[in-house]
Amino acid sequence: MRYEKGRKDASRGRIMEVAADRFRSDGIAASGLAKIMSDAGLTNGAFYPHFESKAELVRESLVAALENQAQQLQEVLAAGGPEMGIATYLSAEHRDNPGTGCANAALLPELARQPPETREVYTERLLVLVRQLSAALPSSRDPEGVAMGVFATLIGALQLARAVNGTELSDRILEAGKDAARTLIQQRGA
């Protein structure tokens, strides 16, 4: 049976999209291939023509998610600079939607346990984000160092805000994270 041109690419893209959302929402370990394939509207047997293993799917979907994040960061920085980036990242909307949010905040603990190839790809993509942010910061002796500190602050604050029980405390954490990131930029940029 022949399929229309592009169907295989479309199926692969759909699997990666569903996997990226599921990994960010439920975690890598808790996301089974059967559920991913079902959510993608495909059978389990349709997985292996696209990917050799779940590890390959994790790596490919991580790359796609971080490329998307880099594009979003570029747009936010162009529209409103680092201040808008901080406000957008540490928003209640971002906190409340991990499945479509930052792969960094959602997956870091599990990424540390992934094979070296996945961690290498992650490292490359993280450095792209760091360089994007550093280019938008006020001049300093170490703009990439400042950008890394800002990312660490933002990611940590988002993870804490998602983990605590109670919206009031979670909102306070988001605000504290915003203040800390702004302070880091101001102090290191001076």
C-alpha atoms as a PDB file:
ATOM      1  CA  MET A   1       0.000   0.000   0.000  1.00  0.00           C
ATOM      2  CA  ARG A   2       1.420   3.369  -1.012  1.00  0.00           C
ATOM      3  CA  TYR A   3       1.006   6.504   1.071  1.00  0.00           C
ATOM      4  CA  GLU A   4       1.018  10.085  -0.087  1.00  0.00           C
ATOM      5  CA  LYS A   5       4.342  11.887  -0.228  1.00  0.00           C
ATOM      6  CA  GLY A   6       5.378  13.425   3.090  1.00  0.00           C
ATOM      7  CA  ARG A   7       3.256  11.152   5.261  1.00  0.00           C
ATOM      8  CA  LYS A   8       6.288   9.552   6.931  1.00  0.00           C
ATOM      9  CA  ASP A   9       7.761  12.970   7.758  1.00  0.00           C
ATOM     10  CA  ALA A  10       4.411  14.142   9.097  1.00  0.00           C
ATOM     11  CA  SER A  11       4.103  11.035  11.277  1.00  0.00           C
ATOM     12  CA  ARG A  12       7.637  11.494  12.627  1.00  0.00           C
ATOM     13  CA  GLY A  13       6.915  15.132  13.407  1.00  0.00           C
ATOM     14  CA  ARG A  14       3.698  14.220  15.189  1.00  0.00           C
ATOM     15  CA  ILE A  15       5.468  11.576  17.303  1.00  0.00           C
ATOM     16  CA  MET A  16       8.156  14.092  18.290  1.00  0.00           C
ATOM     17  CA  GLU A  17       5.597  16.776  19.117  1.00  0.00           C
ATOM     18  CA  VAL A  18       3.546  14.438  21.311  1.00  0.00           C
ATOM     19  CA  ALA A  19       6.680  13.029  22.948  1.00  0.00           C
ATOM     20  CA  ALA A  20       8.061  16.478  23.756  1.00  0.00           C
ATOM     21  CA  ASP A  21       4.763  17.500  25.390  1.00  0.00           C
ATOM     22  CA  ARG A  22       4.446  14.208  27.266  1.00  0.00           C
ATOM     23  CA  PHE A  23       8.090  14.277  28.456  1.00  0.00           C
ATOM     24  CA  ARG A  24       7.660  17.823  29.781  1.00  0.00           C
ATOM     25  CA  SER A  25       4.314  17.031  31.422  1.00  0.00           C
ATOM     26  CA  ASP A  26       4.954  13.579  32.865  1.00  0.00           C
ATOM     27  CA  GLY A  27       8.719  13.130  32.696  1.00  0.00           C
ATOM     28  CA  ILE A  28      10.819  10.952  30.443  1.00  0.00           C
ATOM     29  CA  ALA A  29      10.753   7.827  32.598  1.00  0.00           C
ATOM     30  CA  ALA A  30       6.977   7.988  33.113  1.00  0.00           C
ATOM     31  CA  SER A  31       6.234   8.435  29.414  1.00  0.00           C
ATOM     32  CA  GLY A  32       5.781   5.083  27.751  1.00  0.00           C
ATOM     33  CA  LEU A  33       6.048   4.581  24.021  1.00  0.00           C
ATOM     34  CA  ALA A  34       2.578   3.021  23.847  1.00  0.00           C
ATOM     35  CA  LYS A  35       0.947   6.165  25.281  1.00  0.00           C
ATOM     36  CA  ILE A  36       3.017   8.466  23.063  1.00  0.00           C
ATOM     37  CA  MET A  37       2.093   6.503  19.951  1.00  0.00           C
ATOM     38  CA  SER A  38      -1.571   6.349  20.961  1.00  0.00           C
ATOM     39  CA  ASP A  39      -1.651  10.116  21.553  1.00  0.00           C
ATOM     40  CA  ALA A  40      -0.004  10.597  18.142  1.00  0.00           C
ATOM     41  CA  GLY A  41      -2.801   8.535  16.571  1.00  0.00           C
ATOM     42  CA  LEU A  42      -0.434   5.753  15.529  1.00  0.00           C
ATOM     43  CA  THR A  43       0.131   2.121  16.434  1.00  0.00           C
ATOM     44  CA  ASN A  44       3.096   0.909  18.487  1.00  0.00           C
ATOM     45  CA  GLY A  45       4.515  -0.793  15.405  1.00  0.00           C
ATOM     46  CA  ALA A  46       4.736   2.539  13.625  1.00  0.00           C
ATOM     47  CA  PHE A  47       7.407   3.734  16.075  1.00  0.00           C
ATOM     48  CA  TYR A  48      10.423   1.799  14.794  1.00  0.00           C
ATOM     49  CA  PRO A  49      10.395   2.995  11.175  1.00  0.00           C
ATOM     50  CA  HIS A  50      10.985   6.470  12.670  1.00  0.00           C
ATOM     51  CA  PHE A  51      13.260   5.870  15.668  1.00  0.00           C
ATOM     52  CA  GLU A  52      15.642   3.124  16.741  1.00  0.00           C
ATOM     53  CA  SER A  53      14.905   3.577  20.446  1.00  0.00           C
ATOM     54  CA  LYS A  54      13.210   5.710  23.066  1.00  0.00           C
ATOM     55  CA  ALA A  55      16.622   7.300  23.737  1.00  0.00           C
ATOM     56  CA  GLU A  56      16.736   8.515  20.138  1.00  0.00           C
ATOM     57  CA  LEU A  57      13.192   9.882  20.466  1.00  0.00           C
ATOM     58  CA  VAL A  58      14.172  11.697  23.667  1.00  0.00           C
ATOM     59  CA  ARG A  59      17.202  13.228  21.957  1.00  0.00           C
ATOM     60  CA  GLU A  60      15.333  14.267  18.803  1.00  0.00           C
ATOM     61  CA  SER A  61      12.341  15.710  20.650  1.00  0.00           C
ATOM     62  CA  LEU A  62      14.653  17.548  23.055  1.00  0.00           C
ATOM     63  CA  VAL A  63      16.471  19.154  20.122  1.00  0.00           C
ATOM     64  CA  ALA A  64      13.155  20.223  18.579  1.00  0.00           C
ATOM     65  CA  ALA A  65      11.851  21.607  21.890  1.00  0.00           C
ATOM     66  CA  LEU A  66      15.033  23.582  22.547  1.00  0.00           C
ATOM     67  CA  GLU A  67      15.160  24.918  18.990  1.00  0.00           C
ATOM     68  CA  ASN A  68      11.594  26.111  19.478  1.00  0.00           C
ATOM     69  CA  GLN A  69      12.582  27.653  22.804  1.00  0.00           C
ATOM     70  CA  ALA A  70      15.510  29.458  21.132  1.00  0.00           C
ATOM     71  CA  GLN A  71      13.138  30.894  18.541  1.00  0.00           C
ATOM     72  CA  GLN A  72      10.714  32.028  21.256  1.00  0.00           C
ATOM     73  CA  LEU A  73      13.555  33.580  23.245  1.00  0.00           C
ATOM     74  CA  GLN A  74      14.749  35.467  20.187  1.00  0.00           C
ATOM     75  CA  GLU A  75      11.237  36.841  19.615  1.00  0.00           C
ATOM     76  CA  VAL A  76      10.765  37.852  23.263  1.00  0.00           C
ATOM     77  CA  LEU A  77      14.181  39.513  23.459  1.00  0.00           C
ATOM     78  CA  ALA A  78      13.519  41.401  20.218  1.00  0.00           C
ATOM     79  CA  ALA A  79      10.131  42.566  21.486  1.00  0.00           C
ATOM     80  CA  GLY A  80      11.052  43.584  25.018  1.00  0.00           C
ATOM     81  CA  GLY A  81      14.602  42.651  25.954  1.00  0.00           C
ATOM     82  CA  PRO A  82      15.698  40.707  29.022  1.00  0.00           C
ATOM     83  CA  GLU A  83      13.003  42.273  31.227  1.00  0.00           C
ATOM     84  CA  MET A  84      10.241  40.862  29.039  1.00  0.00           C
ATOM     85  CA  GLY A  85      12.071  37.525  28.903  1.00  0.00           C
ATOM     86  CA  ILE A  86      12.187  37.341  32.699  1.00  0.00           C
ATOM     87  CA  ALA A  87       8.524  38.327  33.086  1.00  0.00           C
ATOM     88  CA  THR A  88       7.393  35.835  30.445  1.00  0.00           C
ATOM     89  CA  TYR A  89       9.470  32.970  31.775  1.00  0.00           C
ATOM     90  CA  LEU A  90       8.423  33.429  35.400  1.00  0.00           C
ATOM     91  CA  SER A  91       4.744  33.932  34.664  1.00  0.00           C
ATOM     92  CA  ALA A  92       1.857  31.995  36.187  1.00  0.00           C
ATOM     93  CA  GLU A  93       0.908  30.852  32.676  1.00  0.00           C
ATOM     94  CA  HIS A  94       4.335  29.290  32.089  1.00  0.00           C
ATOM     95  CA  ARG A  95       4.321  27.738  35.572  1.00  0.00           C
ATOM     96  CA  ASP A  96       0.905  26.185  35.014  1.00  0.00           C
ATOM     97  CA  ASN A  97       1.646  24.672  31.581  1.00  0.00           C
ATOM     98  CA  PRO A  98       4.784  22.521  31.807  1.00  0.00           C
ATOM     99  CA  GLY A  99       3.767  20.405  28.807  1.00  0.00           C
ATOM    100  CA  THR A 100       4.228  23.342  26.460  1.00  0.00           C
ATOM    101  CA  GLY A 101       6.821  25.214  28.494  1.00  0.00           C
ATOM    102  CA  CYS A 102      10.551  25.173  28.995  1.00  0.00           C
ATOM    103  CA  ALA A 103      12.170  21.787  28.470  1.00  0.00           C
ATOM    104  CA  ASN A 104      14.988  22.854  30.785  1.00  0.00           C
ATOM    105  CA  ALA A 105      12.795  23.346  33.829  1.00  0.00           C
ATOM    106  CA  ALA A 106      10.697  20.284  33.113  1.00  0.00           C
ATOM    107  CA  LEU A 107      13.461  17.799  32.325  1.00  0.00           C
ATOM    108  CA  LEU A 108      16.749  18.754  34.014  1.00  0.00           C
ATOM    109  CA  PRO A 109      16.783  16.049  36.699  1.00  0.00           C
ATOM    110  CA  GLU A 110      16.098  13.371  34.102  1.00  0.00           C
ATOM    111  CA  LEU A 111      18.484  14.805  31.510  1.00  0.00           C
ATOM    112  CA  ALA A 112      21.345  14.286  33.934  1.00  0.00           C
ATOM    113  CA  ARG A 113      20.581  10.536  33.741  1.00  0.00           C
ATOM    114  CA  GLN A 114      20.376  10.325  29.952  1.00  0.00           C
ATOM    115  CA  PRO A 115      23.073   8.789  27.737  1.00  0.00           C
ATOM    116  CA  PRO A 116      26.119  10.940  26.932  1.00  0.00           C
ATOM    117  CA  GLU A 117      24.857  11.612  23.390  1.00  0.00           C
ATOM    118  CA  THR A 118      21.672  13.201  24.746  1.00  0.00           C
ATOM    119  CA  ARG A 119      23.554  15.254  27.333  1.00  0.00           C
ATOM    120  CA  GLU A 120      25.968  16.443  24.634  1.00  0.00           C
ATOM    121  CA  VAL A 121      23.084  17.598  22.422  1.00  0.00           C
ATOM    122  CA  TYR A 122      21.466  19.256  25.443  1.00  0.00           C
ATOM    123  CA  THR A 123      24.706  21.084  26.273  1.00  0.00           C
ATOM    124  CA  GLU A 124      25.004  22.422  22.717  1.00  0.00           C
ATOM    125  CA  ARG A 125      21.401  23.679  22.742  1.00  0.00           C
ATOM    126  CA  LEU A 126      21.737  25.235  26.202  1.00  0.00           C
ATOM    127  CA  LEU A 127      24.777  27.186  25.025  1.00  0.00           C
ATOM    128  CA  VAL A 128      22.752  28.538  22.087  1.00  0.00           C
ATOM    129  CA  LEU A 129      20.204  29.914  24.586  1.00  0.00           C
ATOM    130  CA  VAL A 130      22.952  31.323  26.825  1.00  0.00           C
ATOM    131  CA  ARG A 131      24.568  33.107  23.885  1.00  0.00           C
ATOM    132  CA  GLN A 132      21.225  34.527  22.767  1.00  0.00           C
ATOM    133  CA  LEU A 133      20.554  35.974  26.193  1.00  0.00           C
ATOM    134  CA  SER A 134      24.121  37.202  26.686  1.00  0.00           C
ATOM    135  CA  ALA A 135      23.895  39.180  23.434  1.00  0.00           C
ATOM    136  CA  ALA A 136      20.851  41.020  24.801  1.00  0.00           C
ATOM    137  CA  LEU A 137      22.368  41.894  28.191  1.00  0.00           C
ATOM    138  CA  PRO A 138      24.092  45.140  29.117  1.00  0.00           C
ATOM    139  CA  SER A 139      27.832  44.919  28.583  1.00  0.00           C
ATOM    140  CA  SER A 140      29.866  43.214  31.282  1.00  0.00           C
ATOM    141  CA  ARG A 141      33.198  41.454  31.623  1.00  0.00           C
ATOM    142  CA  ASP A 142      31.491  38.048  31.333  1.00  0.00           C
ATOM    143  CA  PRO A 143      28.131  38.295  29.544  1.00  0.00           C
ATOM    144  CA  GLU A 144      27.855  34.508  29.119  1.00  0.00           C
ATOM    145  CA  GLY A 145      28.517  34.035  32.837  1.00  0.00           C
ATOM    146  CA  VAL A 146      25.739  36.503  33.644  1.00  0.00           C
ATOM    147  CA  ALA A 147      23.412  34.748  31.192  1.00  0.00           C
ATOM    148  CA  MET A 148      24.188  31.363  32.792  1.00  0.00           C
ATOM    149  CA  GLY A 149      23.420  32.809  36.222  1.00  0.00           C
ATOM    150  CA  VAL A 150      20.160  34.275  34.957  1.00  0.00           C
ATOM    151  CA  PHE A 151      19.148  30.951  33.374  1.00  0.00           C
ATOM    152  CA  ALA A 152      20.003  29.073  36.574  1.00  0.00           C
ATOM    153  CA  THR A 153      17.923  31.555  38.584  1.00  0.00           C
ATOM    154  CA  LEU A 154      14.950  31.415  36.215  1.00  0.00           C
ATOM    155  CA  ILE A 155      14.941  27.627  35.862  1.00  0.00           C
ATOM    156  CA  GLY A 156      15.354  27.053  39.591  1.00  0.00           C
ATOM    157  CA  ALA A 157      12.607  29.522  40.459  1.00  0.00           C
ATOM    158  CA  LEU A 158      10.221  27.932  37.955  1.00  0.00           C
ATOM    159  CA  GLN A 159      10.956  24.444  39.282  1.00  0.00           C
ATOM    160  CA  LEU A 160      10.358  25.574  42.869  1.00  0.00           C
ATOM    161  CA  ALA A 161       7.170  27.429  41.922  1.00  0.00           C
ATOM    162  CA  ARG A 162       5.836  24.281  40.256  1.00  0.00           C
ATOM    163  CA  ALA A 163       6.779  22.040  43.165  1.00  0.00           C
ATOM    164  CA  VAL A 164       5.230  23.868  46.126  1.00  0.00           C
ATOM    165  CA  ASN A 165       1.709  23.389  47.329  1.00  0.00           C
ATOM    166  CA  GLY A 166      -0.245  26.606  47.182  1.00  0.00           C
ATOM    167  CA  THR A 167      -0.595  29.375  44.655  1.00  0.00           C
ATOM    168  CA  GLU A 168       0.321  32.173  47.074  1.00  0.00           C
ATOM    169  CA  LEU A 169       3.727  30.694  47.890  1.00  0.00           C
ATOM    170  CA  SER A 170       4.267  29.752  44.248  1.00  0.00           C
ATOM    171  CA  ASP A 171       3.525  33.321  43.167  1.00  0.00           C
ATOM    172  CA  ARG A 172       5.989  34.630  45.779  1.00  0.00           C
ATOM    173  CA  ILE A 173       8.679  32.334  44.396  1.00  0.00           C
ATOM    174  CA  LEU A 174       8.046  33.612  40.864  1.00  0.00           C
ATOM    175  CA  GLU A 175       8.379  37.218  42.054  1.00  0.00           C
ATOM    176  CA  ALA A 176      11.534  36.449  44.058  1.00  0.00           C
ATOM    177  CA  GLY A 177      13.031  34.770  40.988  1.00  0.00           C
ATOM    178  CA  LYS A 178      12.252  37.811  38.841  1.00  0.00           C
ATOM    179  CA  ASP A 179      13.880  40.117  41.388  1.00  0.00           C
ATOM    180  CA  ALA A 180      16.960  37.894  41.664  1.00  0.00           C
ATOM    181  CA  ALA A 181      17.401  37.689  37.872  1.00  0.00           C
ATOM    182  CA  ARG A 182      17.033  41.464  37.498  1.00  0.00           C
ATOM    183  CA  THR A 183      19.516  42.064  40.306  1.00  0.00           C
ATOM    184  CA  LEU A 184      22.025  39.700  38.745  1.00  0.00           C
ATOM    185  CA  ILE A 185      21.788  41.535  35.429  1.00  0.00           C
ATOM    186  CA  GLN A 186      22.121  44.959  37.095  1.00  0.00           C
ATOM    187  CA  GLN A 187      24.986  44.053  39.415  1.00  0.00           C
ATOM    188  CA  ARG A 188      27.021  42.069  36.903  1.00  0.00           C
ATOM    189  CA  GLY A 189      26.323  44.531  34.113  1.00  0.00           C
ATOM    190  CA  ALA A 190      27.618  47.452  36.134  1.00  0.00           C
END
